[in-house]
Protein backbone atom coordinates (compact mmCIF):
# COMPACT_ATOMS: atom_id res chain seq x y z
CA MET A 1 35.12 42.23 -48.54
CA ALA A 2 34.01 38.83 -49.80
CA GLN A 3 32.89 36.38 -47.14
CA THR A 4 35.03 33.25 -46.82
CA LYS A 5 33.21 30.09 -47.85
CA PRO A 6 32.94 27.31 -45.25
CA LYS A 7 35.51 24.58 -45.84
CA ALA A 8 33.77 21.25 -46.35
CA LEU A 9 34.40 17.60 -47.04
CA ILE A 10 32.23 15.47 -49.30
CA ASN A 11 31.44 12.00 -47.96
CA TRP A 12 32.33 10.13 -51.12
CA SER A 13 31.29 6.56 -51.88
CA GLY A 14 32.17 6.77 -55.56
CA GLY A 15 28.50 6.22 -56.32
CA LYS A 16 25.55 8.01 -57.81
CA ASP A 17 24.18 9.96 -54.84
CA SER A 18 27.53 11.40 -53.79
CA SER A 19 28.19 12.39 -57.42
CA ILE A 20 24.85 14.21 -57.69
CA CYS A 21 25.55 15.86 -54.36
CA LEU A 22 29.02 17.06 -55.43
CA TYR A 23 27.67 18.32 -58.75
CA LYS A 24 25.04 20.45 -57.03
CA ILE A 25 27.54 21.77 -54.49
CA LEU A 26 29.97 22.78 -57.23
CA GLN A 27 27.14 24.50 -59.11
CA SER A 28 26.02 26.42 -56.03
CA GLY A 29 29.52 27.56 -55.06
CA ASP A 30 28.44 27.59 -51.41
CA TYR A 31 31.43 25.67 -50.07
CA ASP A 32 35.18 25.39 -50.44
CA ILE A 33 35.57 21.64 -51.03
CA HIS A 34 38.59 20.43 -49.09
CA CYS A 35 38.48 16.74 -50.04
CA LEU A 36 36.53 13.67 -50.99
CA PHE A 37 36.31 11.50 -47.87
CA THR A 38 35.99 7.75 -48.40
CA THR A 39 36.10 4.74 -46.08
CA LEU A 40 37.91 1.62 -47.29
CA ASN A 41 37.83 -1.96 -46.12
CA ALA A 42 41.36 -2.34 -44.73
CA ARG A 43 41.42 -6.08 -45.31
CA TYR A 44 40.67 -5.94 -49.02
CA ASN A 45 41.50 -2.32 -49.88
CA ARG A 46 38.10 -1.74 -51.46
CA ILE A 47 35.43 0.93 -50.95
CA SER A 48 33.29 0.00 -47.95
CA GLN A 49 29.96 -1.62 -48.92
CA HIS A 50 30.51 -0.99 -52.64
CA GLY A 51 33.45 -3.39 -53.06
CA VAL A 52 35.22 -1.23 -55.67
CA ARG A 53 39.00 -1.45 -55.83
CA SER A 54 40.80 1.54 -54.32
CA VAL A 55 42.80 2.08 -57.52
CA LEU A 56 39.56 2.98 -59.31
CA LEU A 57 38.65 5.35 -56.49
CA VAL A 58 42.01 7.10 -56.89
CA GLN A 59 41.47 7.40 -60.65
CA GLN A 60 37.97 8.73 -60.06
CA ALA A 61 39.21 11.44 -57.70
CA GLY A 62 41.97 12.33 -60.15
CA GLN A 63 39.50 12.87 -62.98
CA ILE A 64 37.32 14.99 -60.70
CA GLY A 65 40.31 17.03 -59.55
CA ILE A 66 39.57 17.13 -55.82
CA PRO A 67 41.99 15.71 -53.19
CA LEU A 68 41.07 12.31 -51.79
CA LYS A 69 41.17 11.44 -48.09
CA THR A 70 40.70 7.75 -47.27
CA LEU A 71 40.04 6.06 -43.96
CA MET A 72 40.80 2.38 -43.42
CA LEU A 73 38.18 0.44 -41.45
CA PRO A 74 38.24 -3.17 -40.24
CA ASP A 75 36.33 -5.70 -42.31
CA THR A 76 33.44 -5.87 -39.83
CA PRO A 77 33.97 -3.06 -37.30
CA THR A 78 31.88 -2.74 -34.18
CA MET A 79 29.98 0.53 -33.81
CA GLU A 80 32.42 1.52 -31.06
CA ALA A 81 35.43 0.91 -33.30
CA TYR A 82 33.75 2.72 -36.20
CA ASP A 83 32.88 5.77 -34.12
CA LEU A 84 36.38 6.00 -32.63
CA THR A 85 38.12 5.69 -36.00
CA MET A 86 35.83 8.29 -37.56
CA LYS A 87 36.35 10.62 -34.62
CA VAL A 88 40.13 10.55 -35.07
CA ALA A 89 39.89 11.20 -38.83
CA LEU A 90 37.32 13.98 -38.53
CA THR A 91 39.23 15.66 -35.71
CA GLU A 92 42.26 15.83 -38.00
CA LEU A 93 40.15 17.38 -40.77
CA ARG A 94 38.61 19.80 -38.27
CA GLN A 95 42.10 20.95 -37.38
CA GLN A 96 42.70 21.61 -41.09
CA GLY A 97 39.80 24.05 -41.11
CA VAL A 98 36.93 21.80 -42.21
CA THR A 99 33.68 22.86 -40.57
CA VAL A 100 31.05 21.09 -42.71
CA SER A 101 30.55 17.43 -43.63
CA ILE A 102 28.36 16.98 -46.73
CA PHE A 103 26.26 13.86 -47.33
CA GLY A 104 24.21 12.56 -50.25
CA ASP A 105 21.49 11.13 -47.97
CA ILE A 106 17.95 11.62 -49.23
CA PHE A 107 15.33 10.47 -46.72
CA LEU A 108 16.71 8.17 -43.98
CA GLU A 109 15.82 10.17 -40.86
CA ASP A 110 17.57 7.95 -38.31
CA LEU A 111 20.80 7.98 -40.29
CA ARG A 112 20.76 11.76 -40.54
CA GLU A 113 20.15 12.11 -36.80
CA TYR A 114 23.05 9.77 -36.09
CA ARG A 115 25.39 11.69 -38.39
CA GLU A 116 24.45 15.09 -37.00
CA SER A 117 24.82 14.00 -33.37
CA ARG A 118 28.32 12.60 -33.97
CA LEU A 119 29.40 15.67 -35.95
CA ALA A 120 28.13 18.03 -33.25
CA GLU A 121 30.44 16.35 -30.74
CA LEU A 122 33.38 17.46 -32.90
CA GLY A 123 32.14 20.96 -33.64
CA LEU A 124 31.17 20.06 -37.21
CA LYS A 125 27.92 20.67 -39.08
CA GLY A 126 26.21 18.33 -41.50
CA ALA A 127 24.86 19.42 -44.88
CA PHE A 128 22.35 17.37 -46.92
CA PRO A 129 21.81 19.00 -50.33
CA LEU A 130 19.60 16.17 -51.64
CA TRP A 131 17.39 15.90 -48.58
CA LYS A 132 13.74 15.05 -49.35
CA ARG A 133 14.26 15.34 -53.09
CA PRO A 134 12.04 12.85 -55.00
CA THR A 135 14.30 9.95 -55.89
CA ASP A 136 12.68 9.37 -59.28
CA GLU A 137 13.53 12.95 -60.24
CA LEU A 138 17.09 12.59 -58.98
CA ALA A 139 17.53 9.39 -60.97
CA GLU A 140 16.22 10.97 -64.16
CA SER A 141 18.35 14.11 -63.76
CA PHE A 142 21.46 12.02 -63.08
CA ILE A 143 21.04 10.35 -66.46
CA SER A 144 19.98 13.48 -68.36
CA ASP A 145 22.91 15.47 -66.93
CA GLY A 146 25.27 13.02 -68.61
CA PHE A 147 26.47 10.93 -65.69
CA ARG A 148 27.30 7.30 -66.35
CA ALA A 149 27.43 4.60 -63.70
CA VAL A 150 27.37 0.85 -63.25
CA LEU A 151 25.77 -1.24 -60.49
CA VAL A 152 28.57 -2.81 -58.44
CA CYS A 153 26.62 -4.26 -55.52
CA VAL A 154 23.02 -5.48 -55.21
CA ASP A 155 21.17 -6.76 -52.16
CA GLU A 156 19.75 -10.19 -52.96
CA ARG A 157 16.59 -9.39 -51.00
CA TYR A 158 15.63 -6.93 -53.74
CA LEU A 159 17.52 -7.79 -56.92
CA GLY A 160 19.04 -10.83 -58.59
CA ASN A 161 22.65 -11.29 -59.65
CA GLU A 162 21.75 -10.30 -63.22
CA TYR A 163 21.61 -6.67 -62.04
CA ALA A 164 25.22 -6.64 -60.83
CA GLY A 165 27.32 -4.97 -63.53
CA ARG A 166 24.36 -3.38 -65.32
CA GLU A 167 24.57 0.16 -66.61
CA TYR A 168 22.54 2.65 -64.60
CA ASP A 169 20.33 4.01 -67.36
CA LYS A 170 16.68 4.43 -68.31
CA SER A 171 16.45 0.77 -69.27
CA LEU A 172 17.55 -0.23 -65.78
CA LEU A 173 15.08 2.15 -64.14
CA ASN A 174 12.27 0.63 -66.19
CA ASP A 175 13.32 -2.88 -65.15
CA LEU A 176 13.52 -2.26 -61.40
CA PRO A 177 10.89 -4.29 -59.52
CA ASP A 178 8.13 -2.53 -57.62
CA GLY A 179 9.32 -1.36 -54.23
CA VAL A 180 12.95 -0.84 -55.26
CA ASP A 181 13.93 2.80 -54.89
CA PRO A 182 15.32 4.25 -58.17
CA CYS A 183 18.25 5.70 -56.22
CA GLY A 184 18.75 2.58 -54.10
CA GLU A 185 18.23 4.73 -51.02
CA ASN A 186 17.23 1.72 -48.91
CA GLY A 187 20.45 -0.09 -49.77
CA GLU A 188 18.95 -2.09 -52.64
CA PHE A 189 22.02 -1.41 -54.80
CA HIS A 190 25.23 0.62 -54.98
CA THR A 191 26.91 2.16 -58.01
CA PHE A 192 30.27 3.30 -59.33
CA VAL A 193 30.20 6.51 -61.37
CA TYR A 194 32.77 6.61 -64.14
CA ASP A 195 31.84 9.64 -66.22
CA GLY A 196 29.81 12.83 -66.13
CA PRO A 197 29.96 16.61 -65.89
CA ILE A 198 32.28 16.57 -62.86
CA PHE A 199 34.88 14.39 -64.67
CA SER A 200 37.65 15.62 -66.96
CA ARG A 201 37.76 12.16 -68.62
CA PRO A 202 35.99 8.85 -68.02
CA VAL A 203 37.42 6.33 -65.59
CA LEU A 204 38.23 3.23 -67.64
CA PHE A 205 37.39 -0.26 -66.42
CA ASN A 206 36.30 -3.71 -67.52
CA ARG A 207 33.61 -5.78 -65.87
CA GLY A 208 35.04 -8.79 -64.07
CA ASP A 209 33.49 -11.66 -62.14
CA ILE A 210 30.10 -11.55 -60.45
CA VAL A 211 30.61 -12.83 -56.92
CA TYR A 212 28.45 -13.44 -53.88
CA ARG A 213 29.46 -12.13 -50.49
CA THR A 214 27.98 -12.33 -47.01
CA TYR A 215 28.89 -10.47 -43.86
CA THR A 216 29.06 -13.47 -41.57
CA PRO A 217 28.72 -13.07 -37.78
CA PRO A 218 31.76 -14.31 -35.79
CA ASP A 219 30.03 -17.51 -34.71
CA GLN A 220 29.40 -18.39 -38.37
CA SER A 221 32.86 -17.51 -39.70
CA ASP A 222 33.77 -20.90 -41.18
CA GLN A 223 33.42 -19.53 -44.70
CA GLU A 224 35.85 -20.07 -47.50
CA GLU A 225 37.33 -17.06 -49.32
CA ASP A 226 38.44 -16.58 -52.88
CA ASP A 227 41.62 -14.79 -53.94
CA ASN A 228 39.87 -11.41 -54.03
CA GLY A 229 38.71 -11.65 -50.44
CA TYR A 230 35.08 -12.31 -51.22
CA GLU A 231 33.42 -14.82 -48.91
CA CYS A 232 31.98 -17.84 -50.72
CA ARG A 233 29.27 -20.30 -49.82
CA SER A 234 30.88 -23.51 -48.56
CA GLY A 235 27.63 -25.42 -48.35
CA HIS A 236 27.68 -26.52 -44.73
CA GLU A 237 27.57 -23.45 -42.49
CA ARG A 238 24.46 -21.67 -41.26
CA MET A 239 24.15 -18.68 -43.59
CA PRO A 240 22.79 -15.26 -42.65
CA GLU A 241 19.51 -14.20 -44.20
CA THR A 242 21.02 -11.64 -46.56
CA GLY A 243 23.85 -11.62 -49.07
CA PHE A 244 25.12 -9.32 -51.77
CA TRP A 245 26.07 -9.77 -55.41
CA PHE A 246 29.13 -7.80 -56.50
CA CYS A 247 30.47 -7.03 -59.96
CA ASP A 248 34.24 -6.77 -59.70
CA LEU A 249 35.53 -3.85 -61.78
CA ILE A 250 38.98 -4.29 -63.32
CA PRO A 251 40.94 -1.06 -63.97
CA GLY A 252 41.31 -0.30 -67.67
CA VAL A 253 44.20 1.31 -69.52
CA ASP A 254 44.11 5.09 -69.84
CA THR A 255 45.77 5.53 -73.24
CA PHE A 256 45.62 9.32 -72.92
CA GLN A 257 47.61 9.19 -69.67
CA GLU A 258 50.06 6.72 -71.19
CA SER A 259 50.73 9.07 -74.12
CA GLU A 260 51.37 11.94 -71.70
CA ASN A 261 53.97 9.87 -69.86
CA GLN A 262 55.85 8.85 -72.99
């Protein structure tokens, strides 16, 4: 009698590391993947930290062919609010038979410890298929395996705005300054994956505006906002030390899907 595979969720950011992680899990066949699990900024309806529109996330999951489970978070949640919201969502998934939560983390020890301690409270286990893998090797294999991605968010402490919207390819890897991890594991940049071996068809998009955003503390909240919900420099407030450059991705037209619907 064949042993039942553990039912698992993939913590899905839409980016490179979670895509590599899913690819390896599907190749191994070790888990029954229940869903892609993604947190969204409830205020702007975009992927948390990455700033990608939720419509592109939905298209991405559709091309992968795995159900998508989203969780809405406040714009700047406290740790208490974050933990409580995650607990409710994960408890629901636990009741649906999920026993494993899979992450694309590579070497951040404190983050792994935090994840595992919170999961243990709910009777869940964490799995880290990419753990301690050399990031230069992961980056090279991502490209050679046929994945395609674009940088959607860069931390200004490490990279300039000219990197936002760039294709994640060998040319980019060669241009990264010394000290910047090729997988962005320290938060230097985030990506959106739009094609590769786990996709039935590419996710279509156009590059939009490059915008600057800061996560302003409450006592410095006199910032102006543009129509897309990005905070803009107003020139008179005390700014935090760090900001992020985002490339807004505009959903493209899937002509194949349109022809199917006609």
